[in-house]
Amino acid sequence: MKKKKLHKTNAIRILEKEEIAYDVHEYPWSEDHLDAITVAEKVAMPMEKIYKTLITKGDKTGITVACIPANHTLDLKAFAKVSGNKKLEMLPMKELELTTGYIRGGCSPIGMKKSFPTYIANIAQSMETVIVSAGKRGMQVELTPGDLQKVTDAVFSDFTIE
């Protein structure tokens, strides 16, 4: 049986260049169900292990990236404080691809067009591994929280609501 060739995304190429161990999870996706909770169901993993990548725009720092569990909500007030902003808002969807190089449902914290300040929910440190987008719809990468922090130069902090 012929093995299916893996489409390497920018995120996967970076992980390989940095010699970071990872596993790929592929799943069928639809335009109507791109949320992290659906991803958890599709890859048969607990919601707290799936991390969504949220992009915000702060009044002081500009673009910031938040990686939070699928079953959590971003606390904008807490995240503004953590990221050194007085106010911030979610980046409008129409600006996502131009800003990050990624599209909705395929936005990875790894390998964006530019390096942006990145923050990972503190709770990730209690997990053996976390799963984030590989930079393409229908593809996720699983790696340790420490490796995710290293490859994104992120800071662990508390800024979510369960």
N, C-alpha and C. Protein backbone atom coordinates (compact mmCIF):
# COMPACT_ATOMS: atom_id res chain seq x y z
N MET A 1 0.84 -1.19 0.00
CA MET A 1 0.00 0.00 0.00
C MET A 1 0.89 1.25 0.00
N LYS A 2 0.58 2.16 -0.86
CA LYS A 2 1.36 3.39 -0.98
C LYS A 2 1.02 4.34 0.16
N LYS A 3 2.06 4.86 0.83
CA LYS A 3 1.86 5.80 1.93
C LYS A 3 1.50 7.18 1.37
N LYS A 4 0.48 7.79 1.98
CA LYS A 4 0.05 9.12 1.55
C LYS A 4 1.14 10.14 1.88
N LYS A 5 1.47 10.97 0.89
CA LYS A 5 2.50 11.98 1.08
C LYS A 5 1.93 13.13 1.91
N LEU A 6 2.68 13.52 2.93
CA LEU A 6 2.27 14.61 3.81
C LEU A 6 2.57 15.95 3.14
N HIS A 7 1.56 16.80 3.06
CA HIS A 7 1.75 18.16 2.56
C HIS A 7 2.39 18.96 3.69
N LYS A 8 3.63 19.37 3.49
CA LYS A 8 4.34 20.11 4.54
C LYS A 8 3.96 21.58 4.49
N THR A 9 3.45 22.05 5.59
CA THR A 9 3.11 23.46 5.72
C THR A 9 4.34 24.21 6.23
N ASN A 10 4.26 25.52 6.23
CA ASN A 10 5.35 26.33 6.76
C ASN A 10 5.61 25.97 8.23
N ALA A 11 4.55 25.75 8.99
CA ALA A 11 4.70 25.39 10.41
C ALA A 11 5.48 24.08 10.55
N ILE A 12 5.15 23.09 9.74
CA ILE A 12 5.84 21.79 9.81
C ILE A 12 7.30 21.93 9.38
N ARG A 13 7.56 22.71 8.35
CA ARG A 13 8.95 22.93 7.92
C ARG A 13 9.77 23.57 9.04
N ILE A 14 9.18 24.52 9.76
CA ILE A 14 9.87 25.17 10.87
C ILE A 14 10.15 24.17 11.99
N LEU A 15 9.15 23.34 12.33
CA LEU A 15 9.36 22.33 13.37
C LEU A 15 10.50 21.39 12.99
N GLU A 16 10.54 20.98 11.74
CA GLU A 16 11.62 20.09 11.28
C GLU A 16 12.97 20.79 11.31
N LYS A 17 13.02 22.04 10.88
CA LYS A 17 14.27 22.80 10.90
C LYS A 17 14.80 22.95 12.32
N GLU A 18 13.88 23.16 13.26
CA GLU A 18 14.26 23.33 14.66
C GLU A 18 14.45 21.98 15.38
N GLU A 19 14.24 20.88 14.63
CA GLU A 19 14.37 19.52 15.17
C GLU A 19 13.45 19.29 16.37
N ILE A 20 12.21 19.74 16.23
CA ILE A 20 11.20 19.57 17.27
C ILE A 20 10.30 18.41 16.90
N ALA A 21 10.15 17.48 17.84
CA ALA A 21 9.30 16.31 17.61
C ALA A 21 7.83 16.73 17.57
N TYR A 22 7.09 16.15 16.62
CA TYR A 22 5.67 16.47 16.49
C TYR A 22 4.95 15.29 15.85
N ASP A 23 3.64 15.26 16.04
CA ASP A 23 2.77 14.31 15.35
C ASP A 23 1.74 15.12 14.58
N VAL A 24 1.35 14.61 13.43
CA VAL A 24 0.35 15.28 12.60
C VAL A 24 -0.99 14.57 12.76
N HIS A 25 -2.05 15.35 12.88
CA HIS A 25 -3.42 14.82 12.91
C HIS A 25 -4.16 15.47 11.75
N GLU A 26 -4.62 14.64 10.81
CA GLU A 26 -5.39 15.15 9.68
C GLU A 26 -6.84 14.72 9.85
N TYR A 27 -7.75 15.54 9.34
CA TYR A 27 -9.18 15.26 9.49
C TYR A 27 -9.95 15.97 8.38
N PRO A 28 -11.13 15.45 8.06
CA PRO A 28 -11.97 16.13 7.06
C PRO A 28 -12.57 17.40 7.67
N TRP A 29 -12.62 18.46 6.92
CA TRP A 29 -13.16 19.72 7.44
C TRP A 29 -14.23 20.26 6.50
N SER A 30 -15.03 21.15 7.05
CA SER A 30 -16.02 21.85 6.22
C SER A 30 -16.02 23.32 6.61
N GLU A 31 -16.36 24.15 5.67
CA GLU A 31 -16.39 25.61 5.86
C GLU A 31 -17.28 26.01 7.05
N ASP A 32 -18.31 25.23 7.31
CA ASP A 32 -19.26 25.55 8.38
C ASP A 32 -18.79 25.12 9.77
N HIS A 33 -17.76 24.29 9.85
CA HIS A 33 -17.32 23.75 11.14
C HIS A 33 -15.81 23.84 11.27
N LEU A 34 -15.31 25.05 11.46
CA LEU A 34 -13.87 25.27 11.57
C LEU A 34 -13.43 25.53 13.01
N ASP A 35 -14.35 25.47 13.95
CA ASP A 35 -14.04 25.79 15.34
C ASP A 35 -13.22 24.70 16.01
N ALA A 36 -12.53 25.06 17.09
CA ALA A 36 -11.63 24.14 17.79
C ALA A 36 -12.36 22.98 18.45
N ILE A 37 -13.60 23.18 18.87
CA ILE A 37 -14.36 22.08 19.49
C ILE A 37 -14.65 21.00 18.45
N THR A 38 -14.99 21.40 17.24
CA THR A 38 -15.20 20.43 16.15
C THR A 38 -13.90 19.70 15.83
N VAL A 39 -12.79 20.43 15.84
CA VAL A 39 -11.48 19.80 15.59
C VAL A 39 -11.22 18.72 16.63
N ALA A 40 -11.51 19.02 17.90
CA ALA A 40 -11.31 18.03 18.98
C ALA A 40 -12.09 16.76 18.68
N GLU A 41 -13.33 16.91 18.24
CA GLU A 41 -14.15 15.75 17.90
C GLU A 41 -13.57 14.99 16.72
N LYS A 42 -13.14 15.71 15.70
CA LYS A 42 -12.62 15.09 14.47
C LYS A 42 -11.33 14.31 14.70
N VAL A 43 -10.47 14.82 15.58
CA VAL A 43 -9.20 14.12 15.84
C VAL A 43 -9.28 13.23 17.08
N ALA A 44 -10.48 13.13 17.65
CA ALA A 44 -10.74 12.27 18.81
C ALA A 44 -9.79 12.56 19.97
N MET A 45 -9.68 13.83 20.31
CA MET A 45 -8.84 14.27 21.42
C MET A 45 -9.67 15.15 22.35
N PRO A 46 -9.30 15.20 23.64
CA PRO A 46 -10.04 16.06 24.56
C PRO A 46 -9.90 17.55 24.19
N MET A 47 -10.98 18.31 24.42
CA MET A 47 -10.98 19.73 24.07
C MET A 47 -9.85 20.51 24.73
N GLU A 48 -9.50 20.13 25.96
CA GLU A 48 -8.46 20.89 26.66
C GLU A 48 -7.07 20.69 26.05
N LYS A 49 -6.93 19.73 25.15
CA LYS A 49 -5.65 19.47 24.49
C LYS A 49 -5.54 20.24 23.16
N ILE A 50 -6.68 20.63 22.59
CA ILE A 50 -6.71 21.37 21.33
C ILE A 50 -6.60 22.86 21.63
N TYR A 51 -5.63 23.52 21.04
CA TYR A 51 -5.43 24.95 21.28
C TYR A 51 -5.77 25.74 20.03
N LYS A 52 -6.61 26.76 20.24
CA LYS A 52 -6.97 27.65 19.14
C LYS A 52 -6.03 28.85 19.15
N THR A 53 -5.76 29.37 17.98
CA THR A 53 -4.87 30.52 17.82
C THR A 53 -5.74 31.73 17.52
N LEU A 54 -5.72 32.69 18.43
CA LEU A 54 -6.53 33.90 18.30
C LEU A 54 -5.61 35.10 18.09
N ILE A 55 -5.97 35.95 17.16
CA ILE A 55 -5.14 37.11 16.82
C ILE A 55 -5.87 38.38 17.27
N THR A 56 -5.16 39.21 18.02
CA THR A 56 -5.74 40.45 18.51
C THR A 56 -4.89 41.64 18.05
N LYS A 57 -5.49 42.81 18.19
CA LYS A 57 -4.78 44.05 17.86
C LYS A 57 -4.87 44.96 19.08
N GLY A 58 -3.71 45.26 19.67
CA GLY A 58 -3.68 46.09 20.86
C GLY A 58 -3.38 47.55 20.56
N ASP A 59 -3.78 48.43 21.47
CA ASP A 59 -3.55 49.86 21.27
C ASP A 59 -2.09 50.26 21.45
N LYS A 60 -1.30 49.44 22.12
CA LYS A 60 0.12 49.75 22.36
C LYS A 60 1.05 48.86 21.53
N THR A 61 0.79 47.56 21.52
CA THR A 61 1.72 46.61 20.90
C THR A 61 1.35 46.19 19.49
N GLY A 62 0.16 46.54 19.05
CA GLY A 62 -0.28 46.08 17.73
C GLY A 62 -0.75 44.64 17.79
N ILE A 63 -0.32 43.83 16.84
CA ILE A 63 -0.77 42.44 16.73
C ILE A 63 -0.18 41.58 17.85
N THR A 64 -1.05 40.79 18.49
CA THR A 64 -0.63 39.82 19.49
C THR A 64 -1.35 38.51 19.23
N VAL A 65 -0.72 37.41 19.64
CA VAL A 65 -1.25 36.07 19.39
C VAL A 65 -1.53 35.39 20.72
N ALA A 66 -2.71 34.79 20.84
CA ALA A 66 -3.10 34.05 22.05
C ALA A 66 -3.39 32.60 21.66
N CYS A 67 -2.78 31.66 22.37
CA CYS A 67 -3.06 30.23 22.17
C CYS A 67 -3.78 29.74 23.42
N ILE A 68 -5.04 29.34 23.24
CA ILE A 68 -5.86 28.93 24.38
C ILE A 68 -6.59 27.63 24.08
N PRO A 69 -6.92 26.86 25.14
CA PRO A 69 -7.64 25.60 24.93
C PRO A 69 -9.00 25.83 24.27
N ALA A 70 -9.44 24.84 23.52
CA ALA A 70 -10.72 24.91 22.79
C ALA A 70 -11.89 25.19 23.72
N ASN A 71 -11.81 24.70 24.96
CA ASN A 71 -12.92 24.85 25.90
C ASN A 71 -12.79 26.09 26.78
N HIS A 72 -11.92 27.01 26.41
CA HIS A 72 -11.75 28.27 27.14
C HIS A 72 -12.11 29.44 26.24
N THR A 73 -12.33 30.59 26.88
CA THR A 73 -12.62 31.83 26.17
C THR A 73 -11.52 32.83 26.50
N LEU A 74 -11.14 33.63 25.54
CA LEU A 74 -10.14 34.66 25.77
C LEU A 74 -10.75 35.77 26.62
N ASP A 75 -10.11 36.10 27.74
CA ASP A 75 -10.52 37.22 28.58
C ASP A 75 -9.77 38.45 28.04
N LEU A 76 -10.46 39.26 27.24
CA LEU A 76 -9.82 40.39 26.56
C LEU A 76 -9.16 41.36 27.54
N LYS A 77 -9.81 41.60 28.66
CA LYS A 77 -9.26 42.54 29.65
C LYS A 77 -7.95 41.99 30.24
N ALA A 78 -7.97 40.72 30.63
CA ALA A 78 -6.77 40.09 31.20
C ALA A 78 -5.66 40.00 30.15
N PHE A 79 -6.05 39.68 28.90
CA PHE A 79 -5.04 39.55 27.84
C PHE A 79 -4.43 40.90 27.50
N ALA A 80 -5.23 41.96 27.54
CA ALA A 80 -4.70 43.30 27.30
C ALA A 80 -3.62 43.61 28.33
N LYS A 81 -3.89 43.32 29.58
CA LYS A 81 -2.94 43.59 30.66
C LYS A 81 -1.66 42.76 30.47
N VAL A 82 -1.82 41.46 30.23
CA VAL A 82 -0.69 40.56 30.03
C VAL A 82 0.19 41.01 28.86
N SER A 83 -0.44 41.48 27.80
CA SER A 83 0.29 41.84 26.58
C SER A 83 0.76 43.30 26.54
N GLY A 84 0.55 44.02 27.64
CA GLY A 84 1.03 45.40 27.71
C GLY A 84 0.16 46.42 26.99
N ASN A 85 -1.12 46.11 26.88
CA ASN A 85 -2.07 47.01 26.22
C ASN A 85 -3.10 47.52 27.21
N LYS A 86 -3.68 48.68 26.92
CA LYS A 86 -4.81 49.15 27.71
C LYS A 86 -6.09 48.57 27.14
N LYS A 87 -6.14 48.53 25.80
CA LYS A 87 -7.30 47.97 25.11
C LYS A 87 -6.80 47.10 23.98
N LEU A 88 -7.59 46.08 23.68
CA LEU A 88 -7.33 45.32 22.46
C LEU A 88 -8.62 44.75 21.96
N GLU A 89 -8.60 44.37 20.69
CA GLU A 89 -9.79 43.80 20.06
C GLU A 89 -9.34 42.64 19.18
N MET A 90 -10.28 41.78 18.86
CA MET A 90 -9.98 40.68 17.95
C MET A 90 -9.67 41.28 16.58
N LEU A 91 -8.69 40.71 15.91
CA LEU A 91 -8.36 41.15 14.56
C LEU A 91 -9.54 40.83 13.64
N PRO A 92 -10.01 41.78 12.85
CA PRO A 92 -11.11 41.46 11.93
C PRO A 92 -10.71 40.32 10.99
N MET A 93 -11.64 39.41 10.75
CA MET A 93 -11.37 38.22 9.93
C MET A 93 -10.81 38.59 8.56
N LYS A 94 -11.27 39.69 7.99
CA LYS A 94 -10.81 40.09 6.65
C LYS A 94 -9.33 40.47 6.64
N GLU A 95 -8.74 40.74 7.82
CA GLU A 95 -7.32 41.10 7.90
C GLU A 95 -6.43 39.92 8.26
N LEU A 96 -7.03 38.78 8.58
CA LEU A 96 -6.27 37.63 9.08
C LEU A 96 -5.19 37.16 8.11
N GLU A 97 -5.57 36.85 6.88
CA GLU A 97 -4.59 36.30 5.93
C GLU A 97 -3.50 37.31 5.59
N LEU A 98 -3.87 38.55 5.37
CA LEU A 98 -2.89 39.58 5.05
C LEU A 98 -1.89 39.77 6.20
N THR A 99 -2.37 39.68 7.43
CA THR A 99 -1.54 39.90 8.61
C THR A 99 -0.67 38.69 8.94
N THR A 100 -1.25 37.49 8.92
CA THR A 100 -0.55 36.29 9.41
C THR A 100 -0.05 35.37 8.30
N GLY A 101 -0.68 35.43 7.14
CA GLY A 101 -0.37 34.48 6.08
C GLY A 101 -1.24 33.24 6.16
N TYR A 102 -2.11 33.19 7.16
CA TYR A 102 -2.99 32.04 7.36
C TYR A 102 -4.45 32.45 7.22
N ILE A 103 -5.31 31.44 6.96
CA ILE A 103 -6.74 31.69 6.84
C ILE A 103 -7.49 31.13 8.04
N ARG A 104 -8.73 31.56 8.21
CA ARG A 104 -9.58 31.08 9.30
C ARG A 104 -9.67 29.55 9.24
N GLY A 105 -9.46 28.92 10.39
CA GLY A 105 -9.51 27.46 10.45
C GLY A 105 -8.18 26.81 10.13
N GLY A 106 -7.19 27.62 9.77
CA GLY A 106 -5.86 27.10 9.46
C GLY A 106 -4.77 28.03 9.95
N CYS A 107 -5.06 28.75 11.03
CA CYS A 107 -4.12 29.74 11.56
C CYS A 107 -3.26 29.10 12.64
N SER A 108 -1.98 28.96 12.36
CA SER A 108 -1.04 28.35 13.30
C SER A 108 -0.26 29.45 14.02
N PRO A 109 0.09 29.22 15.29
CA PRO A 109 0.96 30.18 15.97
C PRO A 109 2.40 30.08 15.46
N ILE A 110 2.68 29.01 14.71
CA ILE A 110 4.02 28.74 14.19
C ILE A 110 4.10 29.19 12.73
N GLY A 111 5.09 30.00 12.41
CA GLY A 111 5.36 30.33 11.02
C GLY A 111 4.49 31.40 10.40
N MET A 112 4.07 32.37 11.18
CA MET A 112 3.31 33.48 10.61
C MET A 112 4.23 34.33 9.74
N LYS A 113 3.65 35.19 8.91
CA LYS A 113 4.42 36.07 8.02
C LYS A 113 5.47 36.86 8.78
N LYS A 114 5.10 37.34 9.95
CA LYS A 114 6.00 38.11 10.81
C LYS A 114 5.97 37.46 12.19
N SER A 115 6.95 37.81 13.00
CA SER A 115 6.97 37.34 14.37
C SER A 115 6.18 38.33 15.24
N PHE A 116 5.13 37.83 15.87
CA PHE A 116 4.30 38.67 16.73
C PHE A 116 4.43 38.19 18.18
N PRO A 117 4.24 39.09 19.16
CA PRO A 117 4.24 38.65 20.55
C PRO A 117 3.18 37.57 20.73
N THR A 118 3.60 36.43 21.29
CA THR A 118 2.73 35.27 21.42
C THR A 118 2.64 34.85 22.87
N TYR A 119 1.43 34.49 23.29
CA TYR A 119 1.15 34.09 24.67
C TYR A 119 0.38 32.78 24.65
N ILE A 120 0.76 31.89 25.54
CA ILE A 120 0.10 30.59 25.65
C ILE A 120 -0.55 30.52 27.03
N ALA A 121 -1.79 30.05 27.07
CA ALA A 121 -2.49 29.92 28.36
C ALA A 121 -1.66 29.04 29.29
N ASN A 122 -1.48 29.51 30.51
CA ASN A 122 -0.68 28.83 31.53
C ASN A 122 -1.04 27.36 31.71
N ILE A 123 -2.31 27.04 31.57
CA ILE A 123 -2.78 25.68 31.78
C ILE A 123 -2.08 24.68 30.86
N ALA A 124 -1.54 25.15 29.75
CA ALA A 124 -0.83 24.27 28.81
C ALA A 124 0.34 23.56 29.48
N GLN A 125 0.95 24.24 30.45
CA GLN A 125 2.12 23.66 31.12
C GLN A 125 1.80 22.39 31.90
N SER A 126 0.52 22.17 32.19
CA SER A 126 0.12 20.95 32.91
C SER A 126 -0.15 19.79 31.95
N MET A 127 -0.09 20.06 30.65
CA MET A 127 -0.36 19.04 29.64
C MET A 127 0.95 18.41 29.16
N GLU A 128 0.89 17.12 28.84
CA GLU A 128 2.06 16.45 28.26
C GLU A 128 2.31 16.99 26.85
N THR A 129 1.21 17.10 26.08
CA THR A 129 1.29 17.67 24.73
C THR A 129 0.05 18.52 24.48
N VAL A 130 0.17 19.43 23.52
CA VAL A 130 -0.97 20.23 23.06
C VAL A 130 -1.02 20.11 21.53
N ILE A 131 -2.18 20.43 20.98
CA ILE A 131 -2.38 20.33 19.53
C ILE A 131 -2.80 21.70 19.00
N VAL A 132 -2.06 22.18 18.01
CA VAL A 132 -2.36 23.47 17.37
C VAL A 132 -2.47 23.27 15.86
N SER A 133 -3.01 24.25 15.20
CA SER A 133 -3.12 24.17 13.74
C SER A 133 -1.73 24.05 13.12
N ALA A 134 -1.66 23.25 12.06
CA ALA A 134 -0.41 23.10 11.31
C ALA A 134 -0.31 24.15 10.21
N GLY A 135 -1.29 25.06 10.15
CA GLY A 135 -1.26 26.12 9.15
C GLY A 135 -2.06 25.79 7.91
N LYS A 136 -2.93 24.80 8.03
CA LYS A 136 -3.77 24.39 6.91
C LYS A 136 -5.03 23.78 7.50
N ARG A 137 -6.16 24.08 6.90
CA ARG A 137 -7.41 23.47 7.36
C ARG A 137 -7.31 21.95 7.23
N GLY A 138 -7.78 21.26 8.27
CA GLY A 138 -7.76 19.81 8.24
C GLY A 138 -6.45 19.20 8.70
N MET A 139 -5.55 20.01 9.23
CA MET A 139 -4.26 19.49 9.69
C MET A 139 -3.85 20.18 10.99
N GLN A 140 -3.51 19.36 11.98
CA GLN A 140 -3.06 19.85 13.28
C GLN A 140 -1.71 19.21 13.61
N VAL A 141 -0.92 19.89 14.44
CA VAL A 141 0.33 19.30 14.93
C VAL A 141 0.27 19.20 16.44
N GLU A 142 0.78 18.10 16.95
CA GLU A 142 0.83 17.84 18.39
C GLU A 142 2.29 17.92 18.82
N LEU A 143 2.55 18.71 19.85
CA LEU A 143 3.90 18.88 20.37
C LEU A 143 3.83 19.24 21.84
N THR A 144 4.97 19.25 22.52
CA THR A 144 4.95 19.59 23.94
C THR A 144 4.73 21.10 24.09
N PRO A 145 4.13 21.52 25.21
CA PRO A 145 3.96 22.95 25.44
C PRO A 145 5.30 23.70 25.44
N GLY A 146 6.33 23.06 25.99
CA GLY A 146 7.66 23.68 26.01
C GLY A 146 8.20 23.91 24.61
N ASP A 147 7.99 22.94 23.72
CA ASP A 147 8.44 23.11 22.34
C ASP A 147 7.64 24.18 21.62
N LEU A 148 6.33 24.25 21.89
CA LEU A 148 5.51 25.30 21.30
C LEU A 148 6.00 26.67 21.77
N GLN A 149 6.30 26.77 23.04
CA GLN A 149 6.80 28.02 23.61
C GLN A 149 8.14 28.40 22.96
N LYS A 150 9.00 27.41 22.81
CA LYS A 150 10.32 27.65 22.22
C LYS A 150 10.23 28.12 20.77
N VAL A 151 9.44 27.43 19.97
CA VAL A 151 9.37 27.73 18.54
C VAL A 151 8.63 29.04 18.23
N THR A 152 7.77 29.48 19.14
CA THR A 152 7.04 30.74 18.94
C THR A 152 7.59 31.88 19.79
N ASP A 153 8.57 31.58 20.65
CA ASP A 153 9.13 32.55 21.59
C ASP A 153 8.02 33.15 22.44
N ALA A 154 7.13 32.28 22.89
CA ALA A 154 5.92 32.70 23.62
C ALA A 154 6.17 32.83 25.12
N VAL A 155 5.20 33.46 25.77
CA VAL A 155 5.17 33.62 27.22
C VAL A 155 3.94 32.88 27.72
N PHE A 156 4.10 32.10 28.80
CA PHE A 156 2.96 31.46 29.44
C PHE A 156 2.34 32.45 30.42
N SER A 157 1.01 32.56 30.41
CA SER A 157 0.34 33.47 31.32
C SER A 157 -1.14 33.09 31.46
N ASP A 158 -1.82 33.72 32.42
CA ASP A 158 -3.25 33.48 32.63
C ASP A 158 -4.07 34.59 31.99
N PHE A 159 -4.91 34.23 31.04
CA PHE A 159 -5.76 35.23 30.37
C PHE A 159 -6.99 34.59 29.75
N THR A 160 -7.45 33.48 30.33
CA THR A 160 -8.63 32.80 29.77
C THR A 160 -9.72 32.65 30.82
N ILE A 161 -10.91 32.38 30.32
CA ILE A 161 -12.06 32.06 31.16
C ILE A 161 -12.50 30.66 30.75
N GLU A 162 -12.64 29.78 31.75
CA GLU A 162 -13.03 28.41 31.44
C GLU A 162 -14.51 28.30 31.19
